[in-house]
Every structure is written in C-alpha cells, then in structure tokens.
PDB file of N, CA and C in Angstrom:
ATOM      1  N   GLY A   1      -1.506  -0.388  -6.893  1.00  0.00           N
ATOM      2  CA  GLY A   1      -2.799  -0.105  -7.461  1.00  0.00           C
ATOM      3  C   GLY A   1      -2.925  -0.652  -8.861  1.00  0.00           C
ATOM      4  N   GLN A   2      -4.129  -0.858  -9.280  1.00  0.00           N
ATOM      5  CA  GLN A   2      -4.413  -1.291 -10.642  1.00  0.00           C
ATOM      6  C   GLN A   2      -5.245  -0.259 -11.380  1.00  0.00           C
ATOM      7  N   SER A   3      -5.413   0.903 -10.803  1.00  0.00           N
ATOM      8  CA  SER A   3      -6.205   1.940 -11.446  1.00  0.00           C
ATOM      9  C   SER A   3      -5.448   2.539 -12.606  1.00  0.00           C
ATOM     10  N   PRO A   4      -6.176   3.054 -13.585  1.00  0.00           N
ATOM     11  CA  PRO A   4      -5.490   3.756 -14.677  1.00  0.00           C
ATOM     12  C   PRO A   4      -4.628   4.869 -14.103  1.00  0.00           C
ATOM     13  N   GLY A   5      -3.518   5.165 -14.735  1.00  0.00           N
ATOM     14  CA  GLY A   5      -2.534   6.123 -14.242  1.00  0.00           C
ATOM     15  C   GLY A   5      -3.082   7.405 -13.685  1.00  0.00           C
ATOM     16  N   GLY A   6      -4.010   8.058 -14.380  1.00  0.00           N
ATOM     17  CA  GLY A   6      -4.525   9.342 -13.940  1.00  0.00           C
ATOM     18  C   GLY A   6      -5.262   9.276 -12.619  1.00  0.00           C
ATOM     19  N   SER A   7      -6.159   8.310 -12.467  1.00  0.00           N
ATOM     20  CA  SER A   7      -6.928   8.238 -11.227  1.00  0.00           C
ATOM     21  C   SER A   7      -6.048   7.795 -10.067  1.00  0.00           C
ATOM     22  N   TYR A   8      -5.069   6.952 -10.337  1.00  0.00           N
ATOM     23  CA  TYR A   8      -4.157   6.510  -9.276  1.00  0.00           C
ATOM     24  C   TYR A   8      -3.278   7.671  -8.832  1.00  0.00           C
ATOM     25  N   ALA A   9      -2.791   8.430  -9.781  1.00  0.00           N
ATOM     26  CA  ALA A   9      -1.962   9.593  -9.453  1.00  0.00           C
ATOM     27  C   ALA A   9      -2.765  10.593  -8.630  1.00  0.00           C
ATOM     28  N   SER A  10      -4.028  10.777  -8.946  1.00  0.00           N
ATOM     29  CA  SER A  10      -4.887  11.684  -8.182  1.00  0.00           C
ATOM     30  C   SER A  10      -5.067  11.174  -6.756  1.00  0.00           C
ATOM     31  N   PHE A  11      -5.269   9.865  -6.609  1.00  0.00           N
ATOM     32  CA  PHE A  11      -5.424   9.268  -5.289  1.00  0.00           C
ATOM     33  C   PHE A  11      -4.181   9.519  -4.438  1.00  0.00           C
ATOM     34  N   VAL A  12      -3.015   9.298  -5.006  1.00  0.00           N
ATOM     35  CA  VAL A  12      -1.758   9.504  -4.283  1.00  0.00           C
ATOM     36  C   VAL A  12      -1.630  10.956  -3.848  1.00  0.00           C
ATOM     37  N   GLU A  13      -1.935  11.859  -4.748  1.00  0.00           N
ATOM     38  CA  GLU A  13      -1.824  13.287  -4.428  1.00  0.00           C
ATOM     39  C   GLU A  13      -2.825  13.698  -3.361  1.00  0.00           C
ATOM     40  N   GLU A  14      -4.080  13.266  -3.505  1.00  0.00           N
ATOM     41  CA  GLU A  14      -5.139  13.658  -2.576  1.00  0.00           C
ATOM     42  C   GLU A  14      -4.924  13.107  -1.173  1.00  0.00           C
ATOM     43  N   THR A  15      -4.324  11.939  -1.057  1.00  0.00           N
ATOM     44  CA  THR A  15      -4.132  11.326   0.252  1.00  0.00           C
ATOM     45  C   THR A  15      -2.811  11.693   0.889  1.00  0.00           C
ATOM     46  N   GLY A  16      -1.941  12.387   0.159  1.00  0.00           N
ATOM     47  CA  GLY A  16      -0.677  12.823   0.723  1.00  0.00           C
ATOM     48  C   GLY A  16       0.324  11.709   0.946  1.00  0.00           C
ATOM     49  N   ILE A  17       0.224  10.639   0.150  1.00  0.00           N
ATOM     50  CA  ILE A  17       1.121   9.494   0.343  1.00  0.00           C
ATOM     51  C   ILE A  17       2.244   9.444  -0.691  1.00  0.00           C
ATOM     52  N   SER A  18       2.519  10.558  -1.316  1.00  0.00           N
ATOM     53  CA  SER A  18       3.541  10.579  -2.357  1.00  0.00           C
ATOM     54  C   SER A  18       4.942  10.330  -1.817  1.00  0.00           C
ATOM     55  N   GLY A  19       5.138  10.484  -0.516  1.00  0.00           N
ATOM     56  CA  GLY A  19       6.444  10.236   0.080  1.00  0.00           C
ATOM     57  C   GLY A  19       6.764   8.759   0.244  1.00  0.00           C
ATOM     58  N   PHE A  20       5.779   7.902  -0.030  1.00  0.00           N
ATOM     59  CA  PHE A  20       5.959   6.461   0.064  1.00  0.00           C
ATOM     60  C   PHE A  20       6.051   5.866  -1.335  1.00  0.00           C
ATOM     61  N   THR A  21       6.807   4.812  -1.476  1.00  0.00           N
ATOM     62  CA  THR A  21       6.920   4.137  -2.768  1.00  0.00           C
ATOM     63  C   THR A  21       5.551   3.616  -3.187  1.00  0.00           C
ATOM     64  N   GLN A  22       5.173   3.895  -4.418  1.00  0.00           N
ATOM     65  CA  GLN A  22       3.901   3.447  -4.971  1.00  0.00           C
ATOM     66  C   GLN A  22       4.182   2.422  -6.070  1.00  0.00           C
ATOM     67  N   LEU A  23       3.412   1.364  -6.101  1.00  0.00           N
ATOM     68  CA  LEU A  23       3.583   0.334  -7.118  1.00  0.00           C
ATOM     69  C   LEU A  23       2.349   0.274  -7.998  1.00  0.00           C
ATOM     70  N   GLN A  24       2.543   0.378  -9.289  1.00  0.00           N
ATOM     71  CA  GLN A  24       1.453   0.275 -10.247  1.00  0.00           C
ATOM     72  C   GLN A  24       1.472  -1.128 -10.836  1.00  0.00           C
ATOM     73  N   ASP A  25       0.383  -1.869 -10.663  1.00  0.00           N
ATOM     74  CA  ASP A  25       0.297  -3.253 -11.130  1.00  0.00           C
ATOM     75  C   ASP A  25      -0.360  -3.281 -12.506  1.00  0.00           C
ATOM     76  N   ASN A  26       0.459  -3.263 -13.534  1.00  0.00           N
ATOM     77  CA  ASN A  26      -0.052  -3.231 -14.907  1.00  0.00           C
ATOM     78  C   ASN A  26      -0.144  -4.608 -15.551  1.00  0.00           C
ATOM     79  N   ASP A  27       0.195  -5.658 -14.815  1.00  0.00           N
ATOM     80  CA  ASP A  27       0.241  -7.008 -15.384  1.00  0.00           C
ATOM     81  C   ASP A  27      -0.876  -7.901 -14.865  1.00  0.00           C
ATOM     82  N   ALA A  28      -2.102  -7.422 -14.947  1.00  0.00           N
ATOM     83  CA  ALA A  28      -3.299  -8.190 -14.601  1.00  0.00           C
ATOM     84  C   ALA A  28      -3.223  -8.836 -13.225  1.00  0.00           C
ATOM     85  N   GLY A  29      -2.700  -8.108 -12.260  1.00  0.00           N
ATOM     86  CA  GLY A  29      -2.695  -8.606 -10.892  1.00  0.00           C
ATOM     87  C   GLY A  29      -1.482  -9.417 -10.497  1.00  0.00           C
ATOM     88  N   GLU A  30      -0.484  -9.505 -11.353  1.00  0.00           N
ATOM     89  CA  GLU A  30       0.700 -10.303 -11.045  1.00  0.00           C
ATOM     90  C   GLU A  30       1.392  -9.805  -9.770  1.00  0.00           C
ATOM     91  N   LEU A  31       1.519  -8.508  -9.638  1.00  0.00           N
ATOM     92  CA  LEU A  31       2.165  -7.942  -8.462  1.00  0.00           C
ATOM     93  C   LEU A  31       1.331  -8.205  -7.215  1.00  0.00           C
ATOM     94  N   TRP A  32       0.023  -8.039  -7.332  1.00  0.00           N
ATOM     95  CA  TRP A  32      -0.872  -8.311  -6.199  1.00  0.00           C
ATOM     96  C   TRP A  32      -0.687  -9.748  -5.729  1.00  0.00           C
ATOM     97  N   GLU A  33      -0.649 -10.660  -6.683  1.00  0.00           N
ATOM     98  CA  GLU A  33      -0.499 -12.078  -6.351  1.00  0.00           C
ATOM     99  C   GLU A  33       0.825 -12.338  -5.636  1.00  0.00           C
ATOM    100  N   LYS A  34       1.882 -11.708  -6.105  1.00  0.00           N
ATOM    101  CA  LYS A  34       3.202 -11.884  -5.498  1.00  0.00           C
ATOM    102  C   LYS A  34       3.193 -11.496  -4.021  1.00  0.00           C
ATOM    103  N   PHE A  35       2.461 -10.430  -3.685  1.00  0.00           N
ATOM    104  CA  PHE A  35       2.394  -9.972  -2.308  1.00  0.00           C
ATOM    105  C   PHE A  35       1.289 -10.647  -1.500  1.00  0.00           C
ATOM    106  N   GLY A  36       0.560 -11.579  -2.112  1.00  0.00           N
ATOM    107  CA  GLY A  36      -0.474 -12.312  -1.388  1.00  0.00           C
ATOM    108  C   GLY A  36      -1.759 -11.554  -1.181  1.00  0.00           C
ATOM    109  N   SER A  37      -1.987 -10.537  -1.980  1.00  0.00           N
ATOM    110  CA  SER A  37      -3.205  -9.755  -1.860  1.00  0.00           C
ATOM    111  C   SER A  37      -4.382 -10.546  -2.398  1.00  0.00           C
ATOM    112  N   THR A  38      -5.480 -10.515  -1.652  1.00  0.00           N
ATOM    113  CA  THR A  38      -6.672 -11.243  -2.080  1.00  0.00           C
ATOM    114  C   THR A  38      -7.742 -10.322  -2.640  1.00  0.00           C
ATOM    115  N   GLY A  39      -7.507  -9.035  -2.636  1.00  0.00           N
ATOM    116  CA  GLY A  39      -8.505  -8.115  -3.160  1.00  0.00           C
ATOM    117  C   GLY A  39      -8.137  -6.682  -2.885  1.00  0.00           C
ATOM    118  N   ARG A  40      -9.053  -5.821  -3.192  1.00  0.00           N
ATOM    119  CA  ARG A  40      -8.825  -4.398  -2.979  1.00  0.00           C
ATOM    120  C   ARG A  40      -8.697  -4.102  -1.491  1.00  0.00           C
ATOM    121  N   SER A  41      -8.220  -2.934  -1.202  1.00  0.00           N
ATOM    122  CA  SER A  41      -8.010  -2.488   0.171  1.00  0.00           C
ATOM    123  C   SER A  41      -7.081  -3.425   0.927  1.00  0.00           C
ATOM    124  N   THR A  42      -5.954  -3.704   0.318  1.00  0.00           N
ATOM    125  CA  THR A  42      -4.913  -4.479   0.977  1.00  0.00           C
ATOM    126  C   THR A  42      -3.743  -3.560   1.244  1.00  0.00           C
ATOM    127  N   PHE A  43      -3.312  -3.534   2.481  1.00  0.00           N
ATOM    128  CA  PHE A  43      -2.171  -2.726   2.872  1.00  0.00           C
ATOM    129  C   PHE A  43      -1.036  -3.676   3.233  1.00  0.00           C
ATOM    130  N   ILE A  44       0.093  -3.500   2.586  1.00  0.00           N
ATOM    131  CA  ILE A  44       1.263  -4.322   2.860  1.00  0.00           C
ATOM    132  C   ILE A  44       2.325  -3.386   3.417  1.00  0.00           C
ATOM    133  N   PHE A  45       2.676  -3.591   4.648  1.00  0.00           N
ATOM    134  CA  PHE A  45       3.653  -2.737   5.313  1.00  0.00           C
ATOM    135  C   PHE A  45       5.012  -3.406   5.205  1.00  0.00           C
ATOM    136  N   VAL A  46       5.914  -2.748   4.501  1.00  0.00           N
ATOM    137  CA  VAL A  46       7.227  -3.308   4.200  1.00  0.00           C
ATOM    138  C   VAL A  46       8.290  -2.476   4.898  1.00  0.00           C
ATOM    139  N   GLN A  47       9.177  -3.149   5.597  1.00  0.00           N
ATOM    140  CA  GLN A  47      10.260  -2.458   6.286  1.00  0.00           C
ATOM    141  C   GLN A  47      11.336  -2.058   5.285  1.00  0.00           C
ATOM    142  N   GLU A  48      12.230  -1.201   5.703  1.00  0.00           N
ATOM    143  CA  GLU A  48      13.270  -0.678   4.822  1.00  0.00           C
ATOM    144  C   GLU A  48      14.118  -1.785   4.200  1.00  0.00           C
ATOM    145  N   ASP A  49      14.309  -2.885   4.916  1.00  0.00           N
ATOM    146  CA  ASP A  49      15.112  -3.990   4.392  1.00  0.00           C
ATOM    147  C   ASP A  49      14.338  -4.893   3.428  1.00  0.00           C
ATOM    148  N   GLY A  50      13.067  -4.553   3.170  1.00  0.00           N
ATOM    149  CA  GLY A  50      12.256  -5.318   2.225  1.00  0.00           C
ATOM    150  C   GLY A  50      11.423  -6.408   2.864  1.00  0.00           C
ATOM    151  N   SER A  51      11.575  -6.632   4.159  1.00  0.00           N
ATOM    152  CA  SER A  51      10.783  -7.658   4.830  1.00  0.00           C
ATOM    153  C   SER A  51       9.387  -7.122   5.143  1.00  0.00           C
ATOM    154  N   PHE A  52       8.435  -8.019   5.225  1.00  0.00           N
ATOM    155  CA  PHE A  52       7.060  -7.637   5.507  1.00  0.00           C
ATOM    156  C   PHE A  52       6.859  -7.495   7.007  1.00  0.00           C
ATOM    157  N   ARG A  53       6.309  -6.400   7.409  1.00  0.00           N
ATOM    158  CA  ARG A  53       5.994  -6.178   8.815  1.00  0.00           C
ATOM    159  C   ARG A  53       4.601  -6.715   9.103  1.00  0.00           C
ATOM    160  N   GLN A  54       3.673  -6.416   8.218  1.00  0.00           N
ATOM    161  CA  GLN A  54       2.295  -6.837   8.406  1.00  0.00           C
ATOM    162  C   GLN A  54       1.536  -6.624   7.105  1.00  0.00           C
ATOM    163  N   THR A  55       0.552  -7.466   6.887  1.00  0.00           N
ATOM    164  CA  THR A  55      -0.376  -7.277   5.782  1.00  0.00           C
ATOM    165  C   THR A  55      -1.759  -7.141   6.380  1.00  0.00           C
ATOM    166  N   SER A  56      -2.479  -6.145   5.952  1.00  0.00           N
ATOM    167  CA  SER A  56      -3.820  -5.900   6.463  1.00  0.00           C
ATOM    168  C   SER A  56      -4.798  -5.969   5.298  1.00  0.00           C
ATOM    169  N   PHE A  57      -5.787  -6.832   5.405  1.00  0.00           N
ATOM    170  CA  PHE A  57      -6.794  -6.981   4.356  1.00  0.00           C
ATOM    171  C   PHE A  57      -8.061  -6.251   4.770  1.00  0.00           C
ATOM    172  N   GLY A  58      -8.622  -5.516   3.852  1.00  0.00           N
ATOM    173  CA  GLY A  58      -9.834  -4.763   4.134  1.00  0.00           C
ATOM    174  C   GLY A  58      -9.523  -3.313   4.409  1.00  0.00           C
ATOM    175  N   VAL A  59     -10.564  -2.556   4.547  1.00  0.00           N
ATOM    176  CA  VAL A  59     -10.431  -1.124   4.766  1.00  0.00           C
ATOM    177  C   VAL A  59      -9.931  -0.881   6.188  1.00  0.00           C
ATOM    178  N   ILE A  60      -8.973   0.022   6.321  1.00  0.00           N
ATOM    179  CA  ILE A  60      -8.531   0.428   7.653  1.00  0.00           C
ATOM    180  C   ILE A  60      -8.661   1.938   7.748  1.00  0.00           C
ATOM    181  N   GLY A  61      -8.921   2.396   8.940  1.00  0.00           N
ATOM    182  CA  GLY A  61      -9.122   3.826   9.155  1.00  0.00           C
ATOM    183  C   GLY A  61      -7.812   4.582   9.232  1.00  0.00           C
ATOM    184  N   ALA A  62      -7.937   5.884   9.226  1.00  0.00           N
ATOM    185  CA  ALA A  62      -6.760   6.759   9.257  1.00  0.00           C
ATOM    186  C   ALA A  62      -5.930   6.536  10.514  1.00  0.00           C
ATOM    187  N   GLU A  63      -6.593   6.327  11.650  1.00  0.00           N
ATOM    188  CA  GLU A  63      -5.868   6.129  12.909  1.00  0.00           C
ATOM    189  C   GLU A  63      -5.026   4.855  12.871  1.00  0.00           C
ATOM    190  N   GLU A  64      -5.617   3.755  12.410  1.00  0.00           N
ATOM    191  CA  GLU A  64      -4.866   2.502  12.317  1.00  0.00           C
ATOM    192  C   GLU A  64      -3.732   2.609  11.306  1.00  0.00           C
ATOM    193  N   LEU A  65      -3.992   3.248  10.176  1.00  0.00           N
ATOM    194  CA  LEU A  65      -2.953   3.429   9.170  1.00  0.00           C
ATOM    195  C   LEU A  65      -1.794   4.241   9.748  1.00  0.00           C
ATOM    196  N   THR A  66      -2.129   5.305  10.464  1.00  0.00           N
ATOM    197  CA  THR A  66      -1.094   6.128  11.095  1.00  0.00           C
ATOM    198  C   THR A  66      -0.281   5.312  12.088  1.00  0.00           C
ATOM    199  N   GLU A  67      -0.942   4.481  12.886  1.00  0.00           N
ATOM    200  CA  GLU A  67      -0.245   3.640  13.855  1.00  0.00           C
ATOM    201  C   GLU A  67       0.702   2.659  13.165  1.00  0.00           C
ATOM    202  N   GLN A  68       0.248   2.051  12.078  1.00  0.00           N
ATOM    203  CA  GLN A  68       1.083   1.086  11.361  1.00  0.00           C
ATOM    204  C   GLN A  68       2.314   1.769  10.768  1.00  0.00           C
ATOM    205  N   VAL A  69       2.122   2.924  10.191  1.00  0.00           N
ATOM    206  CA  VAL A  69       3.243   3.661   9.601  1.00  0.00           C
ATOM    207  C   VAL A  69       4.216   4.092  10.688  1.00  0.00           C
ATOM    208  N   GLN A  70       3.685   4.562  11.812  1.00  0.00           N
ATOM    209  CA  GLN A  70       4.564   4.966  12.912  1.00  0.00           C
ATOM    210  C   GLN A  70       5.370   3.772  13.440  1.00  0.00           C
ATOM    211  N   THR A  71       4.761   2.604  13.488  1.00  0.00           N
ATOM    212  CA  THR A  71       5.475   1.396  13.909  1.00  0.00           C
ATOM    213  C   THR A  71       6.643   1.111  12.991  1.00  0.00           C
ATOM    214  N   LEU A  72       6.442   1.289  11.695  1.00  0.00           N
ATOM    215  CA  LEU A  72       7.531   1.083  10.739  1.00  0.00           C
ATOM    216  C   LEU A  72       8.631   2.118  10.938  1.00  0.00           C
ATOM    217  N   ILE A  73       8.244   3.343  11.169  1.00  0.00           N
ATOM    218  CA  ILE A  73       9.236   4.407  11.354  1.00  0.00           C
ATOM    219  C   ILE A  73      10.067   4.145  12.605  1.00  0.00           C
ATOM    220  N   ASP A  74       9.409   3.666  13.656  1.00  0.00           N
ATOM    221  CA  ASP A  74      10.084   3.420  14.933  1.00  0.00           C
ATOM    222  C   ASP A  74      10.951   2.166  14.931  1.00  0.00           C
ATOM    223  N   ALA A  75      10.713   1.271  13.988  1.00  0.00           N
ATOM    224  CA  ALA A  75      11.427  -0.018  13.970  1.00  0.00           C
ATOM    225  C   ALA A  75      12.901   0.165  13.646  1.00  0.00           C
TER     226      ALA A  75
END
C-alpha cells in the first residue's frame, strides 16, 4: 500500500488480513514497480518460497480472493 500509515493500518485491521505480510511502499511507487503493478487494486499472490503464483489487476471480490488464498495454502 501507499496509504499513510494510519489509514493503511485501519484497512488491514478492518479486513482481517493482519495474518498476511503487508508491504508499505514509502518510496514513490518503487515497490509497486518492482512487482509489476500498474495501479491500485493489484493483488500479487506470492508463494512461501517467494515465487509469484499469480498477479491480479483490478478489483476482485471476496469469493475470488478467498479462492486465490486457498490455492496458495493448498500448494
């Protein structure tokens, strides 16, 4: 995320995603660029070994997000 710390922390808490590693991009999008993100609402699914499973651009619903996370857990 690139949101100021407080609003990003609130987002993490409200969505219940605190159990996942969160990355704060404080360097004007440098981290986003490294992961190939082209804009907001980019989901990068990374396996435990650090390899990319899938990148999804755009808004995805709760059901699709749940499916993607379950795929990572099952891998």
